[in-house]
PDB file of N, CA and C in Angstrom:
ATOM      1  N   MET A   1     120.406  85.863  86.309  1.00  0.00           N
ATOM      2  CA  MET A   1     119.433  86.793  86.878  1.00  0.00           C
ATOM      3  C   MET A   1     119.217  86.262  88.124  1.00  0.00           C
ATOM      4  N   THR A   2     119.345  87.063  89.108  1.00  0.00           N
ATOM      5  CA  THR A   2     118.600  86.741  90.634  1.00  0.00           C
ATOM      6  C   THR A   2     117.473  87.281  90.638  1.00  0.00           C
ATOM      7  N   SER A   3     116.483  86.629  91.418  1.00  0.00           N
ATOM      8  CA  SER A   3     114.985  87.258  91.569  1.00  0.00           C
ATOM      9  C   SER A   3     114.656  87.165  93.213  1.00  0.00           C
ATOM     10  N   GLU A   4     113.857  88.131  93.861  1.00  0.00           N
ATOM     11  CA  GLU A   4     113.419  87.799  95.165  1.00  0.00           C
ATOM     12  C   GLU A   4     112.245  88.515  95.354  1.00  0.00           C
ATOM     13  N   PRO A   5     111.434  87.915  96.269  1.00  0.00           N
ATOM     14  CA  PRO A   5     110.043  88.526  96.417  1.00  0.00           C
ATOM     15  C   PRO A   5     110.205  89.690  97.443  1.00  0.00           C
ATOM     16  N   ILE A   6     109.314  90.665  97.149  1.00  0.00           N
ATOM     17  CA  ILE A   6     109.344  91.917  98.226  1.00  0.00           C
ATOM     18  C   ILE A   6     108.116  91.854  98.934  1.00  0.00           C
ATOM     19  N   VAL A   7     108.377  91.738 100.243  1.00  0.00           N
ATOM     20  CA  VAL A   7     107.148  91.905 101.007  1.00  0.00           C
ATOM     21  C   VAL A   7     107.260  92.821 101.908  1.00  0.00           C
ATOM     22  N   THR A   8     105.974  93.489 102.498  1.00  0.00           N
ATOM     23  CA  THR A   8     106.119  94.618 103.677  1.00  0.00           C
ATOM     24  C   THR A   8     104.619  94.584 104.146  1.00  0.00           C
ATOM     25  N   ASP A   9     104.639  94.996 105.236  1.00  0.00           N
ATOM     26  CA  ASP A   9     103.427  95.209 106.291  1.00  0.00           C
ATOM     27  C   ASP A   9     103.012  96.585 105.876  1.00  0.00           C
ATOM     28  N   GLU A  10     103.622  97.490 105.077  1.00  0.00           N
ATOM     29  CA  GLU A  10     103.304  98.622 104.966  1.00  0.00           C
ATOM     30  C   GLU A  10     102.405  98.817 103.492  1.00  0.00           C
ATOM     31  N   ALA A  11     102.167  97.746 103.053  1.00  0.00           N
ATOM     32  CA  ALA A  11     101.247  97.707 101.838  1.00  0.00           C
ATOM     33  C   ALA A  11     100.255  96.673 102.039  1.00  0.00           C
ATOM     34  N   PRO A  12      98.983  96.751 101.291  1.00  0.00           N
ATOM     35  CA  PRO A  12      98.161  95.463 101.422  1.00  0.00           C
ATOM     36  C   PRO A  12      98.926  94.264 101.122  1.00  0.00           C
ATOM     37  N   ARG A  13      98.332  93.134 102.039  1.00  0.00           N
ATOM     38  CA  ARG A  13      98.912  91.694 101.750  1.00  0.00           C
ATOM     39  C   ARG A  13      97.564  90.881 101.506  1.00  0.00           C
ATOM     40  N   ASN A  14      97.787  89.788 100.771  1.00  0.00           N
ATOM     41  CA  ASN A  14      96.610  89.133 101.005  1.00  0.00           C
ATOM     42  C   ASN A  14      96.791  87.518 100.762  1.00  0.00           C
ATOM     43  N   ASP A  15      96.117  86.646 100.425  1.00  0.00           N
ATOM     44  CA  ASP A  15      96.581  85.250 100.460  1.00  0.00           C
ATOM     45  C   ASP A  15      96.539  84.717  98.849  1.00  0.00           C
ATOM     46  N   ASN A  16      96.187  85.464  98.044  1.00  0.00           N
ATOM     47  CA  ASN A  16      96.246  85.112  96.755  1.00  0.00           C
ATOM     48  C   ASN A  16      97.678  84.827  96.213  1.00  0.00           C
ATOM     49  N   PRO A  17      97.891  84.082  95.196  1.00  0.00           N
ATOM     50  CA  PRO A  17      99.374  83.440  94.655  1.00  0.00           C
ATOM     51  C   PRO A  17     100.104  84.362  94.041  1.00  0.00           C
ATOM     52  N   TYR A  18     100.256  85.622  94.556  1.00  0.00           N
ATOM     53  CA  TYR A  18     101.355  86.541  93.991  1.00  0.00           C
ATOM     54  C   TYR A  18     102.183  87.278  94.953  1.00  0.00           C
ATOM     55  N   SER A  19     103.233  87.859  94.447  1.00  0.00           N
ATOM     56  CA  SER A  19     104.116  88.797  95.499  1.00  0.00           C
ATOM     57  C   SER A  19     103.545  89.997  95.256  1.00  0.00           C
ATOM     58  N   GLN A  20     104.034  90.912  96.444  1.00  0.00           N
ATOM     59  CA  GLN A  20     103.375  92.185  96.390  1.00  0.00           C
ATOM     60  C   GLN A  20     104.446  92.979  95.315  1.00  0.00           C
ATOM     61  N   GLY A  21     105.798  92.705  95.114  1.00  0.00           N
ATOM     62  CA  GLY A  21     106.443  92.939  94.258  1.00  0.00           C
ATOM     63  C   GLY A  21     108.008  91.767  94.148  1.00  0.00           C
ATOM     64  N   VAL A  22     108.310  91.769  92.986  1.00  0.00           N
ATOM     65  CA  VAL A  22     109.610  90.867  92.810  1.00  0.00           C
ATOM     66  C   VAL A  22     110.558  92.144  92.296  1.00  0.00           C
ATOM     67  N   ARG A  23     111.921  91.868  92.799  1.00  0.00           N
ATOM     68  CA  ARG A  23     113.085  92.226  92.618  1.00  0.00           C
ATOM     69  C   ARG A  23     114.061  91.302  91.393  1.00  0.00           C
ATOM     70  N   ALA A  24     113.948  91.600  90.303  1.00  0.00           N
ATOM     71  CA  ALA A  24     114.915  91.122  89.519  1.00  0.00           C
ATOM     72  C   ALA A  24     116.031  92.068  88.915  1.00  0.00           C
ATOM     73  N   ASP A  25     117.159  91.416  89.626  1.00  0.00           N
ATOM     74  CA  ASP A  25     118.366  92.256  89.432  1.00  0.00           C
ATOM     75  C   ASP A  25     118.142  93.885  89.949  1.00  0.00           C
ATOM     76  N   ASP A  26     118.007  94.583  88.923  1.00  0.00           N
ATOM     77  CA  ASP A  26     117.992  96.120  89.173  1.00  0.00           C
ATOM     78  C   ASP A  26     116.638  96.578  88.924  1.00  0.00           C
ATOM     79  N   THR A  27     115.600  95.546  88.421  1.00  0.00           N
ATOM     80  CA  THR A  27     114.333  96.142  88.045  1.00  0.00           C
ATOM     81  C   THR A  27     113.298  95.383  89.253  1.00  0.00           C
ATOM     82  N   LEU A  28     112.283  96.408  89.631  1.00  0.00           N
ATOM     83  CA  LEU A  28     111.312  95.697  90.565  1.00  0.00           C
ATOM     84  C   LEU A  28     110.171  96.006  89.747  1.00  0.00           C
ATOM     85  N   TYR A  29     109.260  94.866  89.997  1.00  0.00           N
ATOM     86  CA  TYR A  29     107.965  94.626  89.398  1.00  0.00           C
ATOM     87  C   TYR A  29     106.912  94.475  90.560  1.00  0.00           C
ATOM     88  N   VAL A  30     106.194  95.767  90.578  1.00  0.00           N
ATOM     89  CA  VAL A  30     105.238  96.122  91.684  1.00  0.00           C
ATOM     90  C   VAL A  30     103.903  95.239  91.061  1.00  0.00           C
ATOM     91  N   SER A  31     103.298  94.521  91.844  1.00  0.00           N
ATOM     92  CA  SER A  31     102.134  93.919  91.467  1.00  0.00           C
ATOM     93  C   SER A  31     101.003  95.091  91.809  1.00  0.00           C
ATOM     94  N   GLY A  32      99.557  95.041  91.144  1.00  0.00           N
ATOM     95  CA  GLY A  32      98.488  95.874  90.969  1.00  0.00           C
ATOM     96  C   GLY A  32      98.087  96.147  92.180  1.00  0.00           C
ATOM     97  N   TYR A  33      97.816  97.412  92.528  1.00  0.00           N
ATOM     98  CA  TYR A  33      97.337  97.809  94.081  1.00  0.00           C
ATOM     99  C   TYR A  33      96.009  98.644  93.793  1.00  0.00           C
ATOM    100  N   GLY A  34      94.921  98.211  94.475  1.00  0.00           N
ATOM    101  CA  GLY A  34      93.594  99.093  94.561  1.00  0.00           C
ATOM    102  C   GLY A  34      94.026  99.922  95.936  1.00  0.00           C
ATOM    103  N   PRO A  35      92.740 100.912  96.141  1.00  0.00           N
ATOM    104  CA  PRO A  35      93.103 101.621  97.217  1.00  0.00           C
ATOM    105  C   PRO A  35      92.659 101.165  98.569  1.00  0.00           C
ATOM    106  N   VAL A  36      93.534  99.937  98.975  1.00  0.00           N
ATOM    107  CA  VAL A  36      93.573  99.433 100.345  1.00  0.00           C
ATOM    108  C   VAL A  36      94.230  99.935 101.147  1.00  0.00           C
ATOM    109  N   ASP A  37      93.652 100.384 102.696  1.00  0.00           N
ATOM    110  CA  ASP A  37      94.364 100.568 103.607  1.00  0.00           C
ATOM    111  C   ASP A  37      95.271  99.518 104.072  1.00  0.00           C
ATOM    112  N   PRO A  38      96.601  99.424 104.200  1.00  0.00           N
ATOM    113  CA  PRO A  38      97.267  98.411 104.877  1.00  0.00           C
ATOM    114  C   PRO A  38      96.945  97.889 106.212  1.00  0.00           C
ATOM    115  N   GLU A  39      96.749  99.015 107.070  1.00  0.00           N
ATOM    116  CA  GLU A  39      96.425  98.610 108.331  1.00  0.00           C
ATOM    117  C   GLU A  39      94.967  97.993 108.721  1.00  0.00           C
ATOM    118  N   THR A  40      93.857  98.474 108.051  1.00  0.00           N
ATOM    119  CA  THR A  40      92.629  97.773 108.187  1.00  0.00           C
ATOM    120  C   THR A  40      92.202  96.868 107.200  1.00  0.00           C
ATOM    121  N   GLY A  41      93.008  96.948 105.940  1.00  0.00           N
ATOM    122  CA  GLY A  41      92.568  96.002 104.858  1.00  0.00           C
ATOM    123  C   GLY A  41      91.411  96.124 104.265  1.00  0.00           C
ATOM    124  N   GLU A  42      91.090  97.456 104.561  1.00  0.00           N
ATOM    125  CA  GLU A  42      89.563  97.908 103.945  1.00  0.00           C
ATOM    126  C   GLU A  42      89.780  99.108 102.985  1.00  0.00           C
ATOM    127  N   ASP A  43      89.075  99.108 101.988  1.00  0.00           N
ATOM    128  CA  ASP A  43      89.039 100.366 100.920  1.00  0.00           C
ATOM    129  C   ASP A  43      88.849 101.766 101.438  1.00  0.00           C
ATOM    130  N   VAL A  44      89.787 102.545 101.117  1.00  0.00           N
ATOM    131  CA  VAL A  44      89.885 104.051 101.658  1.00  0.00           C
ATOM    132  C   VAL A  44      88.481 104.297 101.168  1.00  0.00           C
ATOM    133  N   ASP A  45      87.921 105.561 102.390  1.00  0.00           N
ATOM    134  CA  ASP A  45      86.650 106.004 102.013  1.00  0.00           C
ATOM    135  C   ASP A  45      87.226 107.672 101.129  1.00  0.00           C
ATOM    136  N   GLY A  46      86.378 107.808 100.457  1.00  0.00           N
ATOM    137  CA  GLY A  46      86.519 109.149  99.449  1.00  0.00           C
ATOM    138  C   GLY A  46      86.308 109.109  98.211  1.00  0.00           C
ATOM    139  N   ASP A  47      86.844 110.132  97.261  1.00  0.00           N
ATOM    140  CA  ASP A  47      86.472 109.827  95.882  1.00  0.00           C
ATOM    141  C   ASP A  47      87.701 109.592  95.309  1.00  0.00           C
ATOM    142  N   VAL A  48      87.901 109.687  93.885  1.00  0.00           N
ATOM    143  CA  VAL A  48      88.918 108.814  93.147  1.00  0.00           C
ATOM    144  C   VAL A  48      90.159 109.456  93.808  1.00  0.00           C
ATOM    145  N   GLN A  49      90.410 110.796  93.918  1.00  0.00           N
ATOM    146  CA  GLN A  49      91.606 111.287  94.237  1.00  0.00           C
ATOM    147  C   GLN A  49      92.114 110.635  95.514  1.00  0.00           C
ATOM    148  N   ALA A  50      91.528 110.470  96.498  1.00  0.00           N
ATOM    149  CA  ALA A  50      91.537 109.813  97.829  1.00  0.00           C
ATOM    150  C   ALA A  50      92.051 108.121  97.434  1.00  0.00           C
ATOM    151  N   GLU A  51      91.443 107.836  96.498  1.00  0.00           N
ATOM    152  CA  GLU A  51      91.744 106.289  96.095  1.00  0.00           C
ATOM    153  C   GLU A  51      93.118 106.171  95.270  1.00  0.00           C
ATOM    154  N   THR A  52      93.257 107.481  94.535  1.00  0.00           N
ATOM    155  CA  THR A  52      94.636 107.252  93.892  1.00  0.00           C
ATOM    156  C   THR A  52      95.791 107.529  94.637  1.00  0.00           C
ATOM    157  N   GLU A  53      95.882 108.371  95.695  1.00  0.00           N
ATOM    158  CA  GLU A  53      96.866 108.705  96.798  1.00  0.00           C
ATOM    159  C   GLU A  53      96.909 107.472  97.410  1.00  0.00           C
ATOM    160  N   GLN A  54      96.217 106.638  97.928  1.00  0.00           N
ATOM    161  CA  GLN A  54      96.266 105.459  98.560  1.00  0.00           C
ATOM    162  C   GLN A  54      97.021 104.386  97.729  1.00  0.00           C
ATOM    163  N   VAL A  55      96.557 104.311  96.591  1.00  0.00           N
ATOM    164  CA  VAL A  55      97.376 103.357  95.564  1.00  0.00           C
ATOM    165  C   VAL A  55      98.533 103.721  95.472  1.00  0.00           C
ATOM    166  N   LEU A  56      99.066 104.832  95.105  1.00  0.00           N
ATOM    167  CA  LEU A  56     100.341 105.403  95.097  1.00  0.00           C
ATOM    168  C   LEU A  56     101.197 105.167  96.273  1.00  0.00           C
ATOM    169  N   GLU A  57     100.529 105.400  97.601  1.00  0.00           N
ATOM    170  CA  GLU A  57     101.286 105.102  98.747  1.00  0.00           C
ATOM    171  C   GLU A  57     101.610 103.531  99.086  1.00  0.00           C
ATOM    172  N   ASN A  58     100.661 102.522  98.660  1.00  0.00           N
ATOM    173  CA  ASN A  58     100.867 101.465  98.550  1.00  0.00           C
ATOM    174  C   ASN A  58     102.007 100.897  97.668  1.00  0.00           C
ATOM    175  N   ILE A  59     102.181 101.469  96.393  1.00  0.00           N
ATOM    176  CA  ILE A  59     103.108 101.143  95.422  1.00  0.00           C
ATOM    177  C   ILE A  59     104.557 101.801  96.451  1.00  0.00           C
ATOM    178  N   ALA A  60     104.664 102.925  96.582  1.00  0.00           N
ATOM    179  CA  ALA A  60     105.628 103.450  97.311  1.00  0.00           C
ATOM    180  C   ALA A  60     106.131 102.720  98.471  1.00  0.00           C
ATOM    181  N   ALA A  61     105.229 102.053  99.037  1.00  0.00           N
ATOM    182  CA  ALA A  61     105.736 101.203 100.350  1.00  0.00           C
ATOM    183  C   ALA A  61     106.624  99.904  99.753  1.00  0.00           C
ATOM    184  N   THR A  62     105.999  99.605  98.843  1.00  0.00           N
ATOM    185  CA  THR A  62     106.803  98.340  98.231  1.00  0.00           C
ATOM    186  C   THR A  62     107.914  98.609  97.426  1.00  0.00           C
ATOM    187  N   VAL A  63     108.270  99.686  96.845  1.00  0.00           N
ATOM    188  CA  VAL A  63     109.383 100.182  96.227  1.00  0.00           C
ATOM    189  C   VAL A  63     110.570 100.666  97.495  1.00  0.00           C
ATOM    190  N   GLU A  64     109.713 101.259  98.380  1.00  0.00           N
ATOM    191  CA  GLU A  64     110.713 101.446  99.515  1.00  0.00           C
ATOM    192  C   GLU A  64     111.243 100.316 100.118  1.00  0.00           C
ATOM    193  N   LYS A  65     110.372  99.469 100.602  1.00  0.00           N
ATOM    194  CA  LYS A  65     110.964  98.122 100.762  1.00  0.00           C
ATOM    195  C   LYS A  65     112.110  97.395 100.187  1.00  0.00           C
ATOM    196  N   ALA A  66     111.990  97.642  98.683  1.00  0.00           N
ATOM    197  CA  ALA A  66     113.140  97.264  97.942  1.00  0.00           C
ATOM    198  C   ALA A  66     114.393  97.974  97.890  1.00  0.00           C
ATOM    199  N   GLY A  67     114.337  99.159  98.765  1.00  0.00           N
ATOM    200  CA  GLY A  67     115.506 100.349  98.765  1.00  0.00           C
ATOM    201  C   GLY A  67     115.428 101.115  97.787  1.00  0.00           C
ATOM    202  N   GLY A  68     114.189 101.715  97.335  1.00  0.00           N
ATOM    203  CA  GLY A  68     114.022 102.803  96.408  1.00  0.00           C
ATOM    204  C   GLY A  68     112.973 103.562  96.875  1.00  0.00           C
ATOM    205  N   SER A  69     112.444 104.667  95.831  1.00  0.00           N
ATOM    206  CA  SER A  69     111.362 105.498  96.403  1.00  0.00           C
ATOM    207  C   SER A  69     110.871 105.734  94.797  1.00  0.00           C
ATOM    208  N   LEU A  70     109.768 106.576  95.066  1.00  0.00           N
ATOM    209  CA  LEU A  70     108.660 106.612  94.084  1.00  0.00           C
ATOM    210  C   LEU A  70     109.573 107.358  92.664  1.00  0.00           C
ATOM    211  N   ASP A  71     110.683 108.240  93.097  1.00  0.00           N
ATOM    212  CA  ASP A  71     111.556 108.516  92.034  1.00  0.00           C
ATOM    213  C   ASP A  71     112.169 107.666  91.084  1.00  0.00           C
ATOM    214  N   ASP A  72     112.128 106.494  91.807  1.00  0.00           N
ATOM    215  CA  ASP A  72     112.705 105.248  90.738  1.00  0.00           C
ATOM    216  C   ASP A  72     111.695 104.512  90.110  1.00  0.00           C
ATOM    217  N   VAL A  73     110.475 104.976  90.052  1.00  0.00           N
ATOM    218  CA  VAL A  73     109.464 104.177  89.405  1.00  0.00           C
ATOM    219  C   VAL A  73     109.482 104.769  87.743  1.00  0.00           C
ATOM    220  N   VAL A  74     109.740 103.920  86.910  1.00  0.00           N
ATOM    221  CA  VAL A  74     109.819 104.241  85.600  1.00  0.00           C
ATOM    222  C   VAL A  74     108.633 104.004  84.623  1.00  0.00           C
ATOM    223  N   LYS A  75     107.685 103.335  84.942  1.00  0.00           N
ATOM    224  CA  LYS A  75     106.438 102.991  84.292  1.00  0.00           C
ATOM    225  C   LYS A  75     105.512 102.730  85.221  1.00  0.00           C
ATOM    226  N   ILE A  76     104.123 103.061  85.055  1.00  0.00           N
ATOM    227  CA  ILE A  76     102.955 102.693  85.784  1.00  0.00           C
ATOM    228  C   ILE A  76     101.948 102.547  84.644  1.00  0.00           C
ATOM    229  N   THR A  77     100.936 101.432  85.136  1.00  0.00           N
ATOM    230  CA  THR A  77      99.643 101.356  84.378  1.00  0.00           C
ATOM    231  C   THR A  77      98.633 101.544  85.485  1.00  0.00           C
ATOM    232  N   VAL A  78      97.861 102.510  84.903  1.00  0.00           N
ATOM    233  CA  VAL A  78      96.713 102.852  85.317  1.00  0.00           C
ATOM    234  C   VAL A  78      95.319 102.286  85.215  1.00  0.00           C
ATOM    235  N   TYR A  79      94.573 101.388  85.718  1.00  0.00           N
ATOM    236  CA  TYR A  79      93.354 101.001  85.404  1.00  0.00           C
ATOM    237  C   TYR A  79      92.199 101.437  86.120  1.00  0.00           C
ATOM    238  N   LEU A  80      91.270 102.188  85.452  1.00  0.00           N
ATOM    239  CA  LEU A  80      89.991 102.965  85.839  1.00  0.00           C
ATOM    240  C   LEU A  80      88.916 102.287  85.276  1.00  0.00           C
ATOM    241  N   THR A  81      87.802 102.291  86.494  1.00  0.00           N
ATOM    242  CA  THR A  81      86.512 101.820  85.692  1.00  0.00           C
ATOM    243  C   THR A  81      85.873 102.651  85.238  1.00  0.00           C
ATOM    244  N   ASP A  82      86.360 104.052  85.228  1.00  0.00           N
ATOM    245  CA  ASP A  82      85.364 105.180  84.584  1.00  0.00           C
ATOM    246  C   ASP A  82      86.450 106.428  84.046  1.00  0.00           C
ATOM    247  N   LEU A  83      86.888 106.374  82.726  1.00  0.00           N
ATOM    248  CA  LEU A  83      87.693 107.287  82.346  1.00  0.00           C
ATOM    249  C   LEU A  83      87.301 108.865  82.708  1.00  0.00           C
ATOM    250  N   ASP A  84      85.998 108.997  82.977  1.00  0.00           N
ATOM    251  CA  ASP A  84      85.526 110.301  83.498  1.00  0.00           C
ATOM    252  C   ASP A  84      85.927 110.615  84.710  1.00  0.00           C
ATOM    253  N   ASP A  85      87.017 110.005  85.356  1.00  0.00           N
ATOM    254  CA  ASP A  85      87.853 110.254  86.469  1.00  0.00           C
ATOM    255  C   ASP A  85      89.203 110.516  86.091  1.00  0.00           C
ATOM    256  N   TYR A  86      89.588 110.656  84.833  1.00  0.00           N
ATOM    257  CA  TYR A  86      90.731 110.792  84.427  1.00  0.00           C
ATOM    258  C   TYR A  86      91.525 112.151  84.797  1.00  0.00           C
ATOM    259  N   ASP A  87      90.844 113.209  84.819  1.00  0.00           N
ATOM    260  CA  ASP A  87      91.346 114.250  85.163  1.00  0.00           C
ATOM    261  C   ASP A  87      91.788 114.407  86.711  1.00  0.00           C
ATOM    262  N   ARG A  88      90.713 113.835  87.570  1.00  0.00           N
ATOM    263  CA  ARG A  88      90.959 113.813  88.975  1.00  0.00           C
ATOM    264  C   ARG A  88      91.939 113.201  89.376  1.00  0.00           C
ATOM    265  N   VAL A  89      92.261 111.809  88.905  1.00  0.00           N
ATOM    266  CA  VAL A  89      93.348 110.958  88.846  1.00  0.00           C
ATOM    267  C   VAL A  89      94.640 111.624  88.631  1.00  0.00           C
ATOM    268  N   ASN A  90      94.684 112.241  87.540  1.00  0.00           N
ATOM    269  CA  ASN A  90      95.927 113.161  87.133  1.00  0.00           C
ATOM    270  C   ASN A  90      96.271 114.035  87.953  1.00  0.00           C
ATOM    271  N   GLU A  91      95.331 114.719  88.802  1.00  0.00           N
ATOM    272  CA  GLU A  91      95.715 115.825  89.730  1.00  0.00           C
ATOM    273  C   GLU A  91      96.310 115.162  90.894  1.00  0.00           C
ATOM    274  N   ALA A  92      95.724 113.984  91.467  1.00  0.00           N
ATOM    275  CA  ALA A  92      96.440 113.335  92.677  1.00  0.00           C
ATOM    276  C   ALA A  92      97.825 112.714  92.451  1.00  0.00           C
ATOM    277  N   TYR A  93      97.626 112.085  90.988  1.00  0.00           N
ATOM    278  CA  TYR A  93      99.024 111.391  90.679  1.00  0.00           C
ATOM    279  C   TYR A  93     100.170 112.413  90.504  1.00  0.00           C
ATOM    280  N   GLY A  94      99.818 113.577  89.835  1.00  0.00           N
ATOM    281  CA  GLY A  94     100.849 114.527  89.744  1.00  0.00           C
ATOM    282  C   GLY A  94     101.510 115.171  90.861  1.00  0.00           C
ATOM    283  N   ASN A  95     100.529 115.098  92.035  1.00  0.00           N
ATOM    284  CA  ASN A  95     101.313 115.622  93.396  1.00  0.00           C
ATOM    285  C   ASN A  95     102.315 114.617  93.935  1.00  0.00           C
ATOM    286  N   GLN A  96     102.036 113.435  93.330  1.00  0.00           N
ATOM    287  CA  GLN A  96     103.122 112.477  94.055  1.00  0.00           C
ATOM    288  C   GLN A  96     104.387 112.318  93.318  1.00  0.00           C
ATOM    289  N   PHE A  97     104.600 112.898  92.161  1.00  0.00           N
ATOM    290  CA  PHE A  97     105.995 112.756  91.388  1.00  0.00           C
ATOM    291  C   PHE A  97     106.603 114.193  91.119  1.00  0.00           C
ATOM    292  N   THR A  98     107.637 114.386  91.980  1.00  0.00           N
ATOM    293  CA  THR A  98     108.352 115.852  92.141  1.00  0.00           C
ATOM    294  C   THR A  98     109.224 116.096  90.986  1.00  0.00           C
ATOM    295  N   GLY A  99     109.893 115.006  90.403  1.00  0.00           N
ATOM    296  CA  GLY A  99     110.669 114.809  89.356  1.00  0.00           C
ATOM    297  C   GLY A  99     110.071 114.548  88.149  1.00  0.00           C
ATOM    298  N   THR A 100     110.890 113.824  87.188  1.00  0.00           N
ATOM    299  CA  THR A 100     110.455 113.441  85.789  1.00  0.00           C
ATOM    300  C   THR A 100     109.339 112.245  86.253  1.00  0.00           C
ATOM    301  N   PRO A 101     108.169 112.181  85.948  1.00  0.00           N
ATOM    302  CA  PRO A 101     107.145 111.231  86.048  1.00  0.00           C
ATOM    303  C   PRO A 101     107.544 110.239  85.087  1.00  0.00           C
ATOM    304  N   PRO A 102     106.928 109.085  85.803  1.00  0.00           N
ATOM    305  CA  PRO A 102     107.070 107.824  84.981  1.00  0.00           C
ATOM    306  C   PRO A 102     106.367 107.703  83.524  1.00  0.00           C
ATOM    307  N   ALA A 103     106.685 106.830  82.609  1.00  0.00           N
ATOM    308  CA  ALA A 103     105.971 106.671  81.587  1.00  0.00           C
ATOM    309  C   ALA A 103     104.694 106.002  82.085  1.00  0.00           C
ATOM    310  N   ARG A 104     103.459 106.138  81.520  1.00  0.00           N
ATOM    311  CA  ARG A 104     102.365 105.753  81.905  1.00  0.00           C
ATOM    312  C   ARG A 104     101.311 105.049  80.889  1.00  0.00           C
ATOM    313  N   VAL A 105     100.658 104.037  81.045  1.00  0.00           N
ATOM    314  CA  VAL A 105      99.347 103.644  80.242  1.00  0.00           C
ATOM    315  C   VAL A 105      98.178 103.895  81.236  1.00  0.00           C
ATOM    316  N   CYS A 106      96.984 104.434  80.760  1.00  0.00           N
ATOM    317  CA  CYS A 106      95.856 104.582  81.388  1.00  0.00           C
ATOM    318  C   CYS A 106      94.678 103.843  80.617  1.00  0.00           C
ATOM    319  N   VAL A 107      94.084 102.702  80.927  1.00  0.00           N
ATOM    320  CA  VAL A 107      93.158 102.044  80.685  1.00  0.00           C
ATOM    321  C   VAL A 107      91.760 102.033  81.356  1.00  0.00           C
ATOM    322  N   GLU A 108      90.434 101.944  80.456  1.00  0.00           N
ATOM    323  CA  GLU A 108      89.319 101.822  80.897  1.00  0.00           C
ATOM    324  C   GLU A 108      89.072 100.370  81.161  1.00  0.00           C
ATOM    325  N   VAL A 109      88.841  99.864  82.302  1.00  0.00           N
ATOM    326  CA  VAL A 109      88.210  98.485  82.467  1.00  0.00           C
ATOM    327  C   VAL A 109      87.026  98.211  83.027  1.00  0.00           C
ATOM    328  N   SER A 110      86.231  97.152  82.542  1.00  0.00           N
ATOM    329  CA  SER A 110      84.948  96.892  82.937  1.00  0.00           C
ATOM    330  C   SER A 110      84.934  96.919  84.522  1.00  0.00           C
ATOM    331  N   ARG A 111      85.805  96.117  85.225  1.00  0.00           N
ATOM    332  CA  ARG A 111      85.468  95.759  86.448  1.00  0.00           C
ATOM    333  C   ARG A 111      86.808  95.689  87.211  1.00  0.00           C
ATOM    334  N   LEU A 112      87.019  95.855  88.600  1.00  0.00           N
ATOM    335  CA  LEU A 112      88.267  95.615  89.168  1.00  0.00           C
ATOM    336  C   LEU A 112      88.047  94.810  90.547  1.00  0.00           C
ATOM    337  N   PRO A 113      88.941  94.003  91.084  1.00  0.00           N
ATOM    338  CA  PRO A 113      88.457  93.280  92.168  1.00  0.00           C
ATOM    339  C   PRO A 113      87.954  94.063  93.285  1.00  0.00           C
ATOM    340  N   ASP A 114      87.311  93.636  94.012  1.00  0.00           N
ATOM    341  CA  ASP A 114      86.291  94.161  95.010  1.00  0.00           C
ATOM    342  C   ASP A 114      85.570  95.578  94.597  1.00  0.00           C
ATOM    343  N   ASP A 115      85.306  95.493  93.600  1.00  0.00           N
ATOM    344  CA  ASP A 115      84.779  96.650  92.897  1.00  0.00           C
ATOM    345  C   ASP A 115      85.359  98.183  93.231  1.00  0.00           C
ATOM    346  N   VAL A 116      86.444  98.164  93.074  1.00  0.00           N
ATOM    347  CA  VAL A 116      87.144  99.531  93.382  1.00  0.00           C
ATOM    348  C   VAL A 116      87.165 100.218  92.037  1.00  0.00           C
ATOM    349  N   HIS A 117      87.607 101.305  92.056  1.00  0.00           N
ATOM    350  CA  HIS A 117      87.526 102.494  90.878  1.00  0.00           C
ATOM    351  C   HIS A 117      88.758 102.402  90.246  1.00  0.00           C
ATOM    352  N   ILE A 118      90.071 102.049  90.927  1.00  0.00           N
ATOM    353  CA  ILE A 118      91.174 102.285  90.370  1.00  0.00           C
ATOM    354  C   ILE A 118      92.252 101.324  90.857  1.00  0.00           C
ATOM    355  N   GLU A 119      93.188 100.822  90.121  1.00  0.00           N
ATOM    356  CA  GLU A 119      94.266  99.956  90.593  1.00  0.00           C
ATOM    357  C   GLU A 119      95.368 100.396  89.728  1.00  0.00           C
ATOM    358  N   MET A 120      96.869 100.311  90.172  1.00  0.00           N
ATOM    359  CA  MET A 120      97.981 100.538  89.480  1.00  0.00           C
ATOM    360  C   MET A 120      99.210  99.665  89.659  1.00  0.00           C
ATOM    361  N   ASP A 121      99.749  99.175  88.724  1.00  0.00           N
ATOM    362  CA  ASP A 121     101.137  98.457  88.773  1.00  0.00           C
ATOM    363  C   ASP A 121     102.236  99.131  88.281  1.00  0.00           C
ATOM    364  N   ALA A 122     103.531  98.832  88.702  1.00  0.00           N
ATOM    365  CA  ALA A 122     104.548  99.759  88.534  1.00  0.00           C
ATOM    366  C   ALA A 122     105.964  98.780  88.198  1.00  0.00           C
ATOM    367  N   ILE A 123     106.749  99.637  87.513  1.00  0.00           N
ATOM    368  CA  ILE A 123     108.042  98.865  87.397  1.00  0.00           C
ATOM    369  C   ILE A 123     108.926 100.209  87.759  1.00  0.00           C
ATOM    370  N   ALA A 124     110.223  99.938  88.581  1.00  0.00           N
ATOM    371  CA  ALA A 124     111.148 100.669  89.206  1.00  0.00           C
ATOM    372  C   ALA A 124     112.486 100.165  88.880  1.00  0.00           C
ATOM    373  N   HIS A 125     113.402 101.132  88.451  1.00  0.00           N
ATOM    374  CA  HIS A 125     114.860 100.624  88.297  1.00  0.00           C
ATOM    375  C   HIS A 125     115.274 100.949  89.364  1.00  0.00           C
ATOM    376  N   LEU A 126     116.135 100.145  90.305  1.00  0.00           N
ATOM    377  CA  LEU A 126     116.733 100.238  91.555  1.00  0.00           C
ATOM    378  C   LEU A 126     118.407 100.219  91.233  1.00  0.00           C
ATOM    379  N   GLY A 127     118.990 101.099  90.636  1.00  0.00           N
ATOM    380  CA  GLY A 127     120.472 100.966  89.900  1.00  0.00           C
ATOM    381  C   GLY A 127     121.507 100.994  91.479  1.00  0.00           C
TER     382      GLY A 127
END
């Protein structure tokens, strides 16, 4: 197996010890992203739907850098600080996947970095 880090300026970067994504053969593992605008480094303004859209844009940018698209995502984990946001997240989430949506887990967590409301990680198959 070969693996390589995926690095893009189109998704948030930081100095923590992890990669934005790691491609291992035909599988891409995308690290968790919050609703951070990669240009400003700041959390996006708006409700949980706007935050969901930004998170998915960050995931898409990483997958695209590896040569794929959101259509290649096969699994997503959603971390919410309030499950009362579930329906609004689903609305924004559903707008991003035109084909078969990926398998998904959604869990409520007590807190996320920078006190954001949502974070997601992903796995994509880049055949």
